[in-house]
Amino acid sequence: MHFSLGNYEESIRYSQEAVSRNSEAPRLRLMLAAAYSELDRIDDAQWEIEEALLLQPELSLAGIYYIFPYRDPVTMERLIQALRTAGLPE
């Protein structure tokens, strides 16, 4: 929700809390990566992508539509671009 609204700091805060409870959830790490990317914290974003890929090596931008089924195409494109910048493979 916070990512959709552009509240990236809040998105990071809630995602970090969720990761602390379930560190093996790639979806949470992808959301962290996207929020970090939007704040130009590229090193942090890349690290989260690396962690997500360790958990689920087949992750790619092509599958993001299934992981995050946003109805709003603008939000979806922002998410995809943020994850691309963070290093998620096509």
N, C-alpha and C. Protein backbone atom coordinates (compact mmCIF):
# COMPACT_ATOMS: atom_id res chain seq x y z
N MET A 1 0.82 -1.19 0.00
CA MET A 1 0.00 0.00 0.00
C MET A 1 0.87 1.26 0.00
N HIS A 2 1.86 1.30 0.88
CA HIS A 2 2.70 2.50 0.96
C HIS A 2 3.50 2.71 -0.32
N PHE A 3 3.97 1.63 -0.93
CA PHE A 3 4.70 1.78 -2.18
C PHE A 3 3.78 2.40 -3.23
N SER A 4 2.56 1.91 -3.31
CA SER A 4 1.59 2.43 -4.30
C SER A 4 1.37 3.92 -4.14
N LEU A 5 1.38 4.38 -2.90
CA LEU A 5 1.13 5.79 -2.61
C LEU A 5 2.39 6.66 -2.71
N GLY A 6 3.52 6.02 -2.95
CA GLY A 6 4.78 6.76 -3.02
C GLY A 6 5.39 7.05 -1.67
N ASN A 7 4.91 6.38 -0.64
CA ASN A 7 5.45 6.53 0.72
C ASN A 7 6.57 5.51 0.92
N TYR A 8 7.70 5.75 0.31
CA TYR A 8 8.76 4.74 0.26
C TYR A 8 9.40 4.48 1.62
N GLU A 9 9.55 5.51 2.42
CA GLU A 9 10.12 5.31 3.76
C GLU A 9 9.21 4.39 4.59
N GLU A 10 7.91 4.63 4.51
CA GLU A 10 6.95 3.78 5.23
C GLU A 10 6.95 2.37 4.65
N SER A 11 7.04 2.26 3.35
CA SER A 11 7.10 0.95 2.71
C SER A 11 8.31 0.17 3.22
N ILE A 12 9.45 0.85 3.32
CA ILE A 12 10.66 0.20 3.84
C ILE A 12 10.46 -0.21 5.29
N ARG A 13 9.91 0.67 6.08
CA ARG A 13 9.73 0.37 7.51
C ARG A 13 8.86 -0.87 7.70
N TYR A 14 7.72 -0.92 7.02
CA TYR A 14 6.83 -2.07 7.19
C TYR A 14 7.40 -3.34 6.55
N SER A 15 8.08 -3.19 5.44
CA SER A 15 8.69 -4.35 4.80
C SER A 15 9.82 -4.93 5.64
N GLN A 16 10.63 -4.06 6.25
CA GLN A 16 11.70 -4.54 7.13
C GLN A 16 11.12 -5.29 8.32
N GLU A 17 10.04 -4.77 8.87
CA GLU A 17 9.39 -5.46 9.98
C GLU A 17 8.89 -6.83 9.54
N ALA A 18 8.30 -6.90 8.36
CA ALA A 18 7.79 -8.17 7.86
C ALA A 18 8.93 -9.15 7.59
N VAL A 19 10.04 -8.66 7.03
CA VAL A 19 11.20 -9.52 6.77
C VAL A 19 11.78 -10.04 8.08
N SER A 20 11.75 -9.23 9.12
CA SER A 20 12.28 -9.70 10.40
C SER A 20 11.45 -10.87 10.95
N ARG A 21 10.21 -10.94 10.54
CA ARG A 21 9.34 -12.05 10.97
C ARG A 21 9.42 -13.24 10.03
N ASN A 22 9.72 -12.97 8.75
CA ASN A 22 9.78 -14.04 7.76
C ASN A 22 10.85 -13.69 6.73
N SER A 23 12.09 -14.00 7.05
CA SER A 23 13.21 -13.62 6.19
C SER A 23 13.29 -14.43 4.90
N GLU A 24 12.47 -15.45 4.78
CA GLU A 24 12.52 -16.30 3.59
C GLU A 24 11.35 -16.05 2.64
N ALA A 25 10.85 -14.83 2.64
CA ALA A 25 9.75 -14.45 1.75
C ALA A 25 10.28 -13.54 0.65
N PRO A 26 10.49 -14.08 -0.55
CA PRO A 26 11.05 -13.26 -1.63
C PRO A 26 10.20 -12.02 -1.95
N ARG A 27 8.89 -12.14 -1.83
CA ARG A 27 8.00 -11.02 -2.15
C ARG A 27 8.33 -9.81 -1.26
N LEU A 28 8.58 -10.05 0.00
CA LEU A 28 8.92 -8.96 0.91
C LEU A 28 10.23 -8.30 0.51
N ARG A 29 11.18 -9.12 0.13
CA ARG A 29 12.49 -8.59 -0.27
C ARG A 29 12.39 -7.79 -1.56
N LEU A 30 11.52 -8.23 -2.47
CA LEU A 30 11.31 -7.48 -3.71
C LEU A 30 10.70 -6.11 -3.42
N MET A 31 9.76 -6.06 -2.50
CA MET A 31 9.14 -4.79 -2.15
C MET A 31 10.17 -3.86 -1.51
N LEU A 32 11.01 -4.40 -0.65
CA LEU A 32 12.09 -3.61 -0.08
C LEU A 32 13.02 -3.08 -1.17
N ALA A 33 13.38 -3.94 -2.10
CA ALA A 33 14.27 -3.55 -3.19
C ALA A 33 13.65 -2.41 -4.00
N ALA A 34 12.38 -2.51 -4.29
CA ALA A 34 11.71 -1.47 -5.08
C ALA A 34 11.69 -0.14 -4.33
N ALA A 35 11.36 -0.17 -3.06
CA ALA A 35 11.31 1.06 -2.27
C ALA A 35 12.71 1.68 -2.13
N TYR A 36 13.70 0.84 -1.87
CA TYR A 36 15.07 1.35 -1.80
C TYR A 36 15.47 1.99 -3.14
N SER A 37 15.13 1.33 -4.22
CA SER A 37 15.46 1.83 -5.55
C SER A 37 14.83 3.19 -5.79
N GLU A 38 13.58 3.35 -5.39
CA GLU A 38 12.90 4.63 -5.58
C GLU A 38 13.54 5.75 -4.77
N LEU A 39 14.23 5.41 -3.70
CA LEU A 39 14.92 6.40 -2.88
C LEU A 39 16.41 6.51 -3.24
N ASP A 40 16.78 5.90 -4.38
CA ASP A 40 18.17 5.90 -4.86
C ASP A 40 19.14 5.25 -3.89
N ARG A 41 18.65 4.31 -3.11
CA ARG A 41 19.50 3.51 -2.23
C ARG A 41 19.81 2.20 -2.97
N ILE A 42 20.55 2.36 -4.05
CA ILE A 42 20.75 1.26 -5.00
C ILE A 42 21.52 0.10 -4.38
N ASP A 43 22.50 0.35 -3.56
CA ASP A 43 23.23 -0.75 -2.92
C ASP A 43 22.29 -1.61 -2.07
N ASP A 44 21.43 -0.97 -1.30
CA ASP A 44 20.46 -1.70 -0.49
C ASP A 44 19.48 -2.46 -1.38
N ALA A 45 19.04 -1.81 -2.46
CA ALA A 45 18.10 -2.46 -3.39
C ALA A 45 18.73 -3.70 -4.03
N GLN A 46 19.97 -3.57 -4.47
CA GLN A 46 20.65 -4.71 -5.09
C GLN A 46 20.84 -5.86 -4.11
N TRP A 47 21.15 -5.53 -2.87
CA TRP A 47 21.33 -6.58 -1.87
C TRP A 47 20.02 -7.33 -1.66
N GLU A 48 18.91 -6.63 -1.61
CA GLU A 48 17.61 -7.30 -1.44
C GLU A 48 17.28 -8.18 -2.64
N ILE A 49 17.63 -7.74 -3.83
CA ILE A 49 17.43 -8.57 -5.03
C ILE A 49 18.28 -9.83 -4.93
N GLU A 50 19.52 -9.69 -4.52
CA GLU A 50 20.39 -10.87 -4.35
C GLU A 50 19.78 -11.85 -3.35
N GLU A 51 19.28 -11.34 -2.24
CA GLU A 51 18.66 -12.20 -1.23
C GLU A 51 17.41 -12.89 -1.79
N ALA A 52 16.60 -12.16 -2.51
CA ALA A 52 15.38 -12.74 -3.10
C ALA A 52 15.74 -13.83 -4.10
N LEU A 53 16.77 -13.60 -4.89
CA LEU A 53 17.19 -14.60 -5.89
C LEU A 53 17.80 -15.84 -5.24
N LEU A 54 18.42 -15.69 -4.09
CA LEU A 54 18.91 -16.86 -3.36
C LEU A 54 17.74 -17.73 -2.90
N LEU A 55 16.66 -17.07 -2.52
CA LEU A 55 15.47 -17.79 -2.06
C LEU A 55 14.68 -18.40 -3.21
N GLN A 56 14.65 -17.69 -4.33
CA GLN A 56 13.86 -18.14 -5.47
C GLN A 56 14.60 -17.73 -6.76
N PRO A 57 15.55 -18.55 -7.21
CA PRO A 57 16.43 -18.19 -8.33
C PRO A 57 15.72 -17.87 -9.64
N GLU A 58 14.52 -18.36 -9.83
CA GLU A 58 13.83 -18.14 -11.10
C GLU A 58 13.07 -16.81 -11.16
N LEU A 59 13.17 -16.00 -10.12
CA LEU A 59 12.50 -14.69 -10.13
C LEU A 59 12.96 -13.85 -11.31
N SER A 60 12.01 -13.15 -11.92
CA SER A 60 12.35 -12.25 -13.02
C SER A 60 11.28 -11.17 -13.13
N LEU A 61 11.60 -10.15 -13.90
CA LEU A 61 10.63 -9.09 -14.12
C LEU A 61 9.37 -9.61 -14.82
N ALA A 62 9.53 -10.61 -15.66
CA ALA A 62 8.38 -11.17 -16.38
C ALA A 62 7.34 -11.75 -15.42
N GLY A 63 7.77 -12.21 -14.26
CA GLY A 63 6.85 -12.80 -13.31
C GLY A 63 6.26 -11.84 -12.29
N ILE A 64 6.68 -10.59 -12.35
CA ILE A 64 6.22 -9.62 -11.35
C ILE A 64 4.72 -9.42 -11.40
N TYR A 65 4.13 -9.53 -12.56
CA TYR A 65 2.67 -9.36 -12.70
C TYR A 65 1.90 -10.38 -11.86
N TYR A 66 2.49 -11.54 -11.64
CA TYR A 66 1.84 -12.58 -10.84
C TYR A 66 2.10 -12.40 -9.34
N ILE A 67 3.25 -11.85 -9.03
CA ILE A 67 3.62 -11.65 -7.62
C ILE A 67 2.93 -10.43 -7.04
N PHE A 68 2.87 -9.36 -7.84
CA PHE A 68 2.24 -8.09 -7.43
C PHE A 68 1.18 -7.72 -8.46
N PRO A 69 -0.02 -8.22 -8.34
CA PRO A 69 -1.04 -7.94 -9.37
C PRO A 69 -1.71 -6.57 -9.21
N TYR A 70 -0.92 -5.52 -9.36
CA TYR A 70 -1.48 -4.17 -9.28
C TYR A 70 -2.43 -3.92 -10.45
N ARG A 71 -3.55 -3.33 -10.17
CA ARG A 71 -4.50 -2.98 -11.23
C ARG A 71 -4.10 -1.70 -11.93
N ASP A 72 -3.47 -0.81 -11.19
CA ASP A 72 -3.07 0.48 -11.75
C ASP A 72 -1.81 0.30 -12.58
N PRO A 73 -1.88 0.54 -13.89
CA PRO A 73 -0.70 0.33 -14.74
C PRO A 73 0.45 1.28 -14.41
N VAL A 74 0.16 2.45 -13.90
CA VAL A 74 1.23 3.39 -13.54
C VAL A 74 2.03 2.85 -12.36
N THR A 75 1.34 2.33 -11.36
CA THR A 75 2.03 1.74 -10.20
C THR A 75 2.83 0.52 -10.63
N MET A 76 2.24 -0.31 -11.47
CA MET A 76 2.95 -1.51 -11.94
C MET A 76 4.21 -1.13 -12.71
N GLU A 77 4.12 -0.14 -13.57
CA GLU A 77 5.29 0.27 -14.33
C GLU A 77 6.37 0.85 -13.41
N ARG A 78 5.96 1.61 -12.39
CA ARG A 78 6.91 2.17 -11.42
C ARG A 78 7.61 1.05 -10.66
N LEU A 79 6.84 0.03 -10.26
CA LEU A 79 7.42 -1.12 -9.57
C LEU A 79 8.42 -1.85 -10.45
N ILE A 80 8.03 -2.11 -11.68
CA ILE A 80 8.91 -2.83 -12.61
C ILE A 80 10.19 -2.04 -12.86
N GLN A 81 10.06 -0.75 -13.07
CA GLN A 81 11.25 0.06 -13.32
C GLN A 81 12.15 0.09 -12.09
N ALA A 82 11.57 0.18 -10.91
CA ALA A 82 12.36 0.18 -9.68
C ALA A 82 13.11 -1.14 -9.52
N LEU A 83 12.43 -2.25 -9.80
CA LEU A 83 13.09 -3.57 -9.69
C LEU A 83 14.13 -3.77 -10.78
N ARG A 84 13.88 -3.22 -11.95
CA ARG A 84 14.88 -3.29 -13.03
C ARG A 84 16.15 -2.53 -12.60
N THR A 85 15.95 -1.34 -12.06
CA THR A 85 17.08 -0.53 -11.58
C THR A 85 17.84 -1.27 -10.47
N ALA A 86 17.11 -1.99 -9.65
CA ALA A 86 17.73 -2.75 -8.55
C ALA A 86 18.46 -3.99 -9.03
N GLY A 87 18.21 -4.41 -10.27
CA GLY A 87 18.95 -5.54 -10.83
C GLY A 87 18.19 -6.83 -11.01
N LEU A 88 16.87 -6.80 -10.86
CA LEU A 88 16.12 -8.04 -11.10
C LEU A 88 16.20 -8.39 -12.57
N PRO A 89 16.55 -9.63 -12.90
CA PRO A 89 16.69 -10.01 -14.31
C PRO A 89 15.36 -9.92 -15.07
N GLU A 90 15.49 -9.68 -16.36
CA GLU A 90 14.32 -9.62 -17.23
C GLU A 90 13.64 -10.98 -17.26
